[in-house]
PDB file of N, CA and C in Angstrom:
ATOM      1  N   MET A   1      21.715   2.316 -10.698  1.00  0.00           N
ATOM      2  CA  MET A   1      20.797   1.283 -10.183  1.00  0.00           C
ATOM      3  C   MET A   1      21.108   0.126 -11.081  1.00  0.00           C
ATOM      4  N   ALA A   2      20.737  -1.028 -10.711  1.00  0.00           N
ATOM      5  CA  ALA A   2      20.858  -2.626 -11.324  1.00  0.00           C
ATOM      6  C   ALA A   2      19.932  -2.700 -12.295  1.00  0.00           C
ATOM      7  N   THR A   3      20.041  -3.344 -13.878  1.00  0.00           N
ATOM      8  CA  THR A   3      19.027  -3.780 -14.573  1.00  0.00           C
ATOM      9  C   THR A   3      18.947  -5.059 -14.493  1.00  0.00           C
ATOM     10  N   LEU A   4      17.675  -5.687 -14.973  1.00  0.00           N
ATOM     11  CA  LEU A   4      17.556  -7.386 -14.051  1.00  0.00           C
ATOM     12  C   LEU A   4      16.299  -7.646 -15.617  1.00  0.00           C
ATOM     13  N   THR A   5      16.833  -8.952 -16.276  1.00  0.00           N
ATOM     14  CA  THR A   5      16.692  -9.297 -17.376  1.00  0.00           C
ATOM     15  C   THR A   5      15.950 -10.915 -16.919  1.00  0.00           C
ATOM     16  N   ILE A   6      14.584 -11.065 -16.840  1.00  0.00           N
ATOM     17  CA  ILE A   6      13.586 -11.831 -16.854  1.00  0.00           C
ATOM     18  C   ILE A   6      13.002 -12.306 -17.824  1.00  0.00           C
ATOM     19  N   LYS A   7      13.570 -13.518 -17.920  1.00  0.00           N
ATOM     20  CA  LYS A   7      13.064 -14.418 -19.075  1.00  0.00           C
ATOM     21  C   LYS A   7      11.827 -15.626 -18.747  1.00  0.00           C
ATOM     22  N   ASN A   8      11.618 -16.083 -20.052  1.00  0.00           N
ATOM     23  CA  ASN A   8      10.552 -16.754 -20.058  1.00  0.00           C
ATOM     24  C   ASN A   8       9.013 -16.702 -18.996  1.00  0.00           C
ATOM     25  N   ILE A   9       8.764 -15.398 -19.282  1.00  0.00           N
ATOM     26  CA  ILE A   9       7.602 -15.244 -18.069  1.00  0.00           C
ATOM     27  C   ILE A   9       5.726 -16.146 -18.955  1.00  0.00           C
ATOM     28  N   PRO A  10       5.590 -16.613 -17.627  1.00  0.00           N
ATOM     29  CA  PRO A  10       4.223 -17.993 -18.872  1.00  0.00           C
ATOM     30  C   PRO A  10       3.468 -15.921 -18.687  1.00  0.00           C
ATOM     31  N   ASP A  11       2.717 -15.639 -20.103  1.00  0.00           N
ATOM     32  CA  ASP A  11       1.668 -14.955 -20.003  1.00  0.00           C
ATOM     33  C   ASP A  11       0.787 -14.830 -19.539  1.00  0.00           C
ATOM     34  N   GLU A  12      -0.004 -15.944 -18.221  1.00  0.00           N
ATOM     35  CA  GLU A  12      -0.868 -15.526 -18.078  1.00  0.00           C
ATOM     36  C   GLU A  12      -0.221 -14.654 -16.417  1.00  0.00           C
ATOM     37  N   VAL A  13       0.673 -15.360 -16.150  1.00  0.00           N
ATOM     38  CA  VAL A  13       1.535 -14.125 -15.496  1.00  0.00           C
ATOM     39  C   VAL A  13       2.082 -12.489 -15.830  1.00  0.00           C
ATOM     40  N   TYR A  14       2.716 -12.568 -16.816  1.00  0.00           N
ATOM     41  CA  TYR A  14       2.459 -11.335 -17.407  1.00  0.00           C
ATOM     42  C   TYR A  14       0.711 -10.285 -17.550  1.00  0.00           C
ATOM     43  N   GLN A  15       0.241 -11.313 -18.051  1.00  0.00           N
ATOM     44  CA  GLN A  15      -1.116 -10.360 -17.913  1.00  0.00           C
ATOM     45  C   GLN A  15      -1.544  -9.961 -17.070  1.00  0.00           C
ATOM     46  N   ARG A  16      -1.723 -10.605 -15.429  1.00  0.00           N
ATOM     47  CA  ARG A  16      -1.616 -10.236 -13.986  1.00  0.00           C
ATOM     48  C   ARG A  16      -0.693  -9.305 -13.602  1.00  0.00           C
ATOM     49  N   PHE A  17       0.913  -8.733 -14.235  1.00  0.00           N
ATOM     50  CA  PHE A  17       1.306  -7.403 -13.555  1.00  0.00           C
ATOM     51  C   PHE A  17       0.469  -6.329 -14.870  1.00  0.00           C
ATOM     52  N   LYS A  18       0.363  -6.495 -15.624  1.00  0.00           N
ATOM     53  CA  LYS A  18       0.167  -5.853 -16.711  1.00  0.00           C
ATOM     54  C   LYS A  18      -1.596  -4.830 -16.043  1.00  0.00           C
ATOM     55  N   HIS A  19      -2.385  -6.119 -15.613  1.00  0.00           N
ATOM     56  CA  HIS A  19      -3.493  -5.683 -15.058  1.00  0.00           C
ATOM     57  C   HIS A  19      -3.126  -4.980 -13.470  1.00  0.00           C
ATOM     58  N   GLN A  20      -2.337  -5.255 -13.231  1.00  0.00           N
ATOM     59  CA  GLN A  20      -2.240  -5.135 -11.676  1.00  0.00           C
ATOM     60  C   GLN A  20      -1.084  -3.114 -11.812  1.00  0.00           C
ATOM     61  N   ALA A  21      -0.672  -3.439 -12.836  1.00  0.00           N
ATOM     62  CA  ALA A  21       0.021  -1.827 -13.030  1.00  0.00           C
ATOM     63  C   ALA A  21      -0.694  -1.061 -13.306  1.00  0.00           C
ATOM     64  N   ALA A  22      -2.046  -1.376 -14.284  1.00  0.00           N
ATOM     65  CA  ALA A  22      -3.265  -0.572 -14.836  1.00  0.00           C
ATOM     66  C   ALA A  22      -4.009  -0.401 -13.474  1.00  0.00           C
ATOM     67  N   ARG A  23      -4.667  -0.992 -12.586  1.00  0.00           N
ATOM     68  CA  ARG A  23      -5.110  -0.615 -11.330  1.00  0.00           C
ATOM     69  C   ARG A  23      -4.335   0.112 -10.363  1.00  0.00           C
ATOM     70  N   HIS A  24      -3.018   0.186 -10.357  1.00  0.00           N
ATOM     71  CA  HIS A  24      -2.398   0.891  -9.504  1.00  0.00           C
ATOM     72  C   HIS A  24      -1.729   2.173 -10.569  1.00  0.00           C
ATOM     73  N   ARG A  25      -1.925   2.136 -11.396  1.00  0.00           N
ATOM     74  CA  ARG A  25      -1.675   3.566 -11.982  1.00  0.00           C
ATOM     75  C   ARG A  25      -0.111   3.955 -12.161  1.00  0.00           C
ATOM     76  N   ARG A  26       0.703   2.402 -12.321  1.00  0.00           N
ATOM     77  CA  ARG A  26       1.946   2.131 -12.824  1.00  0.00           C
ATOM     78  C   ARG A  26       2.466   1.412 -13.904  1.00  0.00           C
ATOM     79  N   SER A  27       3.699   1.829 -14.455  1.00  0.00           N
ATOM     80  CA  SER A  27       4.454   1.372 -15.337  1.00  0.00           C
ATOM     81  C   SER A  27       4.250  -0.613 -15.056  1.00  0.00           C
ATOM     82  N   LEU A  28       4.871  -0.869 -15.885  1.00  0.00           N
ATOM     83  CA  LEU A  28       4.654  -2.404 -15.512  1.00  0.00           C
ATOM     84  C   LEU A  28       6.274  -2.358 -15.111  1.00  0.00           C
ATOM     85  N   ASN A  29       7.511  -1.851 -15.408  1.00  0.00           N
ATOM     86  CA  ASN A  29       8.606  -1.614 -14.563  1.00  0.00           C
ATOM     87  C   ASN A  29       8.461  -1.416 -13.170  1.00  0.00           C
ATOM     88  N   GLN A  30       7.373  -0.238 -12.820  1.00  0.00           N
ATOM     89  CA  GLN A  30       7.611   0.156 -11.611  1.00  0.00           C
ATOM     90  C   GLN A  30       7.008  -0.877 -10.317  1.00  0.00           C
ATOM     91  N   GLU A  31       5.465  -1.397 -11.278  1.00  0.00           N
ATOM     92  CA  GLU A  31       4.959  -2.503 -10.332  1.00  0.00           C
ATOM     93  C   GLU A  31       5.660  -3.822 -10.058  1.00  0.00           C
ATOM     94  N   ILE A  32       6.412  -3.849 -11.300  1.00  0.00           N
ATOM     95  CA  ILE A  32       7.341  -5.298 -10.652  1.00  0.00           C
ATOM     96  C   ILE A  32       8.276  -5.216  -9.464  1.00  0.00           C
ATOM     97  N   ILE A  33       8.921  -4.238  -9.588  1.00  0.00           N
ATOM     98  CA  ILE A  33      10.111  -3.429  -8.807  1.00  0.00           C
ATOM     99  C   ILE A  33       9.501  -3.444  -7.627  1.00  0.00           C
ATOM    100  N   SER A  34       8.105  -2.520  -7.336  1.00  0.00           N
ATOM    101  CA  SER A  34       7.211  -2.575  -6.041  1.00  0.00           C
ATOM    102  C   SER A  34       6.791  -4.044  -5.204  1.00  0.00           C
ATOM    103  N   CYS A  35       6.624  -5.274  -6.141  1.00  0.00           N
ATOM    104  CA  CYS A  35       6.485  -6.867  -5.767  1.00  0.00           C
ATOM    105  C   CYS A  35       7.254  -6.954  -5.449  1.00  0.00           C
ATOM    106  N   LEU A  36       8.594  -6.893  -5.489  1.00  0.00           N
ATOM    107  CA  LEU A  36       9.723  -6.839  -5.322  1.00  0.00           C
ATOM    108  C   LEU A  36       9.949  -6.427  -3.835  1.00  0.00           C
ATOM    109  N   GLU A  37      10.274  -5.612  -4.128  1.00  0.00           N
ATOM    110  CA  GLU A  37      10.217  -4.668  -2.968  1.00  0.00           C
ATOM    111  C   GLU A  37       9.477  -5.482  -1.952  1.00  0.00           C
ATOM    112  N   GLN A  38       8.088  -5.361  -2.080  1.00  0.00           N
ATOM    113  CA  GLN A  38       6.951  -5.970  -0.987  1.00  0.00           C
ATOM    114  C   GLN A  38       7.773  -7.425  -0.491  1.00  0.00           C
ATOM    115  N   PHE A  39       8.390  -8.241  -1.417  1.00  0.00           N
ATOM    116  CA  PHE A  39       7.960  -9.719  -1.431  1.00  0.00           C
ATOM    117  C   PHE A  39       9.854  -9.777  -0.131  1.00  0.00           C
ATOM    118  N   SER A  40      10.757  -9.033  -0.593  1.00  0.00           N
ATOM    119  CA  SER A  40      12.038  -9.074  -0.085  1.00  0.00           C
ATOM    120  C   SER A  40      12.435  -7.970   1.375  1.00  0.00           C
ATOM    121  N   GLY A  41      10.989  -7.801   1.386  1.00  0.00           N
ATOM    122  CA  GLY A  41      11.119  -7.328   3.123  1.00  0.00           C
ATOM    123  C   GLY A  41      10.594  -5.473   2.688  1.00  0.00           C
ATOM    124  N   GLY A  42      10.697  -4.907   1.962  1.00  0.00           N
ATOM    125  CA  GLY A  42      10.416  -3.877   1.676  1.00  0.00           C
ATOM    126  C   GLY A  42      11.630  -3.176   1.687  1.00  0.00           C
ATOM    127  N   VAL A  43      10.791  -1.707   1.287  1.00  0.00           N
ATOM    128  CA  VAL A  43      12.088  -0.104   1.698  1.00  0.00           C
ATOM    129  C   VAL A  43      12.205  -0.585   3.223  1.00  0.00           C
ATOM    130  N   PRO A  44      13.378   0.306   3.925  1.00  0.00           N
ATOM    131  CA  PRO A  44      12.893   0.373   5.478  1.00  0.00           C
ATOM    132  C   PRO A  44      12.461   1.937   5.777  1.00  0.00           C
ATOM    133  N   VAL A  45      11.919   1.878   6.400  1.00  0.00           N
ATOM    134  CA  VAL A  45      11.152   3.453   7.022  1.00  0.00           C
ATOM    135  C   VAL A  45      11.708   4.034   8.037  1.00  0.00           C
ATOM    136  N   ASP A  46      12.063   5.396   7.683  1.00  0.00           N
ATOM    137  CA  ASP A  46      12.053   6.283   9.344  1.00  0.00           C
ATOM    138  C   ASP A  46      10.812   6.173  10.229  1.00  0.00           C
ATOM    139  N   PRO A  47      11.075   5.844  10.995  1.00  0.00           N
ATOM    140  CA  PRO A  47      10.035   5.723  11.995  1.00  0.00           C
ATOM    141  C   PRO A  47       9.558   7.424  12.139  1.00  0.00           C
ATOM    142  N   GLY A  48      10.755   8.322  12.390  1.00  0.00           N
ATOM    143  CA  GLY A  48      10.281   9.854  12.668  1.00  0.00           C
ATOM    144  C   GLY A  48       9.327  10.026  11.629  1.00  0.00           C
ATOM    145  N   THR A  49      10.060  10.025  10.551  1.00  0.00           N
ATOM    146  CA  THR A  49       9.354  10.171   9.053  1.00  0.00           C
ATOM    147  C   THR A  49       8.106   9.814   9.252  1.00  0.00           C
ATOM    148  N   PHE A  50       8.080   8.660   9.638  1.00  0.00           N
ATOM    149  CA  PHE A  50       6.737   7.863   9.070  1.00  0.00           C
ATOM    150  C   PHE A  50       5.637   8.710  10.411  1.00  0.00           C
ATOM    151  N   LEU A  51       6.245   8.896  11.582  1.00  0.00           N
ATOM    152  CA  LEU A  51       5.077   9.315  12.230  1.00  0.00           C
ATOM    153  C   LEU A  51       4.560  10.997  12.412  1.00  0.00           C
ATOM    154  N   ALA A  52       5.877  11.580  11.873  1.00  0.00           N
ATOM    155  CA  ALA A  52       5.540  13.330  11.482  1.00  0.00           C
ATOM    156  C   ALA A  52       4.458  12.928  10.095  1.00  0.00           C
ATOM    157  N   ARG A  53       4.232  12.162   9.312  1.00  0.00           N
ATOM    158  CA  ARG A  53       3.217  12.403   8.083  1.00  0.00           C
ATOM    159  C   ARG A  53       1.877  11.859   8.481  1.00  0.00           C
ATOM    160  N   ALA A  54       1.916  11.214   9.509  1.00  0.00           N
ATOM    161  CA  ALA A  54       0.985  10.785   9.973  1.00  0.00           C
ATOM    162  C   ALA A  54       0.165  11.704  10.807  1.00  0.00           C
ATOM    163  N   ARG A  55       0.992  12.503  11.274  1.00  0.00           N
ATOM    164  CA  ARG A  55       0.442  13.638  12.240  1.00  0.00           C
ATOM    165  C   ARG A  55      -0.403  14.825  11.306  1.00  0.00           C
ATOM    166  N   GLU A  56       1.299  14.601  10.516  1.00  0.00           N
ATOM    167  CA  GLU A  56      -0.113  15.649   8.788  1.00  0.00           C
ATOM    168  C   GLU A  56      -1.178  15.139   8.240  1.00  0.00           C
ATOM    169  N   ILE A  57      -1.127  14.141   8.257  1.00  0.00           N
ATOM    170  CA  ILE A  57      -2.534  13.201   7.270  1.00  0.00           C
ATOM    171  C   ILE A  57      -3.989  13.460   8.784  1.00  0.00           C
ATOM    172  N   ARG A  58      -3.391  13.727  10.404  1.00  0.00           N
ATOM    173  CA  ARG A  58      -4.480  13.231  10.791  1.00  0.00           C
ATOM    174  C   ARG A  58      -4.735  14.503  11.046  1.00  0.00           C
ATOM    175  N   LYS A  59      -3.993  15.846  10.828  1.00  0.00           N
ATOM    176  CA  LYS A  59      -4.572  17.144  10.708  1.00  0.00           C
ATOM    177  C   LYS A  59      -5.347  17.588   9.945  1.00  0.00           C
ATOM    178  N   LEU A  60      -5.965  16.371   8.551  1.00  0.00           N
ATOM    179  CA  LEU A  60      -6.593  16.863   7.423  1.00  0.00           C
ATOM    180  C   LEU A  60      -7.604  16.334   7.816  1.00  0.00           C
ATOM    181  N   VAL A  61      -7.606  15.525   8.327  1.00  0.00           N
ATOM    182  CA  VAL A  61      -9.035  14.959   8.753  1.00  0.00           C
ATOM    183  C   VAL A  61      -9.754  15.313   9.351  1.00  0.00           C
ATOM    184  N   LYS A  62     -10.887  15.168   8.771  1.00  0.00           N
ATOM    185  CA  LYS A  62     -12.340  16.224   9.742  1.00  0.00           C
ATOM    186  C   LYS A  62     -12.929  15.509  10.645  1.00  0.00           C
ATOM    187  N   GLY A  63     -13.712  15.768  12.072  1.00  0.00           N
ATOM    188  CA  GLY A  63     -14.129  15.056  12.550  1.00  0.00           C
ATOM    189  C   GLY A  63     -13.162  14.693  13.479  1.00  0.00           C
ATOM    190  N   PRO A  64     -14.176  13.880  14.657  1.00  0.00           N
ATOM    191  CA  PRO A  64     -13.927  12.991  15.911  1.00  0.00           C
ATOM    192  C   PRO A  64     -12.325  11.797  14.996  1.00  0.00           C
ATOM    193  N   HIS A  65     -11.606  12.275  16.267  1.00  0.00           N
ATOM    194  CA  HIS A  65     -10.623  10.887  16.281  1.00  0.00           C
ATOM    195  C   HIS A  65     -10.920   9.720  16.255  1.00  0.00           C
ATOM    196  N   LEU A  66     -10.818   8.504  15.772  1.00  0.00           N
ATOM    197  CA  LEU A  66     -11.011   6.876  16.212  1.00  0.00           C
ATOM    198  C   LEU A  66     -10.601   6.672  17.744  1.00  0.00           C
ATOM    199  N   THR A  67     -11.279   7.007  18.107  1.00  0.00           N
ATOM    200  CA  THR A  67     -10.650   6.096  19.678  1.00  0.00           C
ATOM    201  C   THR A  67     -11.203   4.626  20.121  1.00  0.00           C
ATOM    202  N   GLU A  68     -10.562   4.213  20.914  1.00  0.00           N
ATOM    203  CA  GLU A  68     -11.116   2.651  21.397  1.00  0.00           C
ATOM    204  C   GLU A  68     -12.597   3.066  21.612  1.00  0.00           C
ATOM    205  N   ARG A  69     -13.201   3.822  22.437  1.00  0.00           N
ATOM    206  CA  ARG A  69     -14.238   4.074  23.036  1.00  0.00           C
ATOM    207  C   ARG A  69     -15.211   3.786  21.237  1.00  0.00           C
ATOM    208  N   ARG A  70     -15.173   4.815  20.536  1.00  0.00           N
ATOM    209  CA  ARG A  70     -15.882   5.137  19.045  1.00  0.00           C
ATOM    210  C   ARG A  70     -15.954   4.143  18.923  1.00  0.00           C
ATOM    211  N   LEU A  71     -14.713   3.399  18.352  1.00  0.00           N
ATOM    212  CA  LEU A  71     -14.583   2.255  17.597  1.00  0.00           C
ATOM    213  C   LEU A  71     -15.170   0.986  18.192  1.00  0.00           C
ATOM    214  N   LYS A  72     -15.424   1.003  19.731  1.00  0.00           N
ATOM    215  CA  LYS A  72     -16.630  -0.067  19.928  1.00  0.00           C
ATOM    216  C   LYS A  72     -18.113   0.523  19.511  1.00  0.00           C
ATOM    217  N   GLN A  73     -18.276   2.091  19.578  1.00  0.00           N
ATOM    218  CA  GLN A  73     -19.436   2.580  19.220  1.00  0.00           C
ATOM    219  C   GLN A  73     -19.811   1.790  18.131  1.00  0.00           C
ATOM    220  N   LEU A  74     -19.061   2.017  17.199  1.00  0.00           N
ATOM    221  CA  LEU A  74     -19.499   2.300  15.516  1.00  0.00           C
ATOM    222  C   LEU A  74     -19.486   0.577  15.485  1.00  0.00           C
ATOM    223  N   LYS A  75     -18.455  -0.181  16.112  1.00  0.00           N
ATOM    224  CA  LYS A  75     -19.397  -2.001  15.341  1.00  0.00           C
ATOM    225  C   LYS A  75     -20.077  -2.290  15.917  1.00  0.00           C
ATOM    226  N   SER A  76     -20.739  -1.730  17.179  1.00  0.00           N
ATOM    227  CA  SER A  76     -22.022  -2.350  17.689  1.00  0.00           C
ATOM    228  C   SER A  76     -23.361  -1.162  17.097  1.00  0.00           C
ATOM    229  N   ALA A  77     -22.997  -0.074  16.493  1.00  0.00           N
ATOM    230  CA  ALA A  77     -24.350   0.328  16.056  1.00  0.00           C
ATOM    231  C   ALA A  77     -25.123  -0.361  14.712  1.00  0.00           C
ATOM    232  N   GLY A  78     -26.129  -0.328  15.031  1.00  0.00           N
ATOM    233  CA  GLY A  78     -27.698  -1.055  14.626  1.00  0.00           C
ATOM    234  C   GLY A  78     -27.512  -3.064  14.728  1.00  0.00           C
ATOM    235  N   ARG A  79     -26.709  -3.106  15.425  1.00  0.00           N
ATOM    236  CA  ARG A  79     -26.759  -4.252  16.063  1.00  0.00           C
ATOM    237  C   ARG A  79     -27.181  -5.198  17.317  1.00  0.00           C
ATOM    238  N   PRO A  80     -28.437  -5.317  17.223  1.00  0.00           N
ATOM    239  CA  PRO A  80     -29.370  -6.146  18.486  1.00  0.00           C
ATOM    240  C   PRO A  80     -28.656  -5.789  19.899  1.00  0.00           C
TER     241      PRO A  80
END
């Protein structure tokens, strides 16, 4: 892996990254790498792996699955 040194970071930018890292429970280095990945187009995702993970998560979710019909019902619930 490459190493990158960034100089003359304004204090307020540094503090924002520090607070963001704490909110996400990451190191400052991990937070900056995450931001760089997002800004540069992110990490390529294998569709098959993504779908397999989504299916695993769906099995863990209790209750009815969210359908278009159910979504409309929830949106209109309590509205005149």
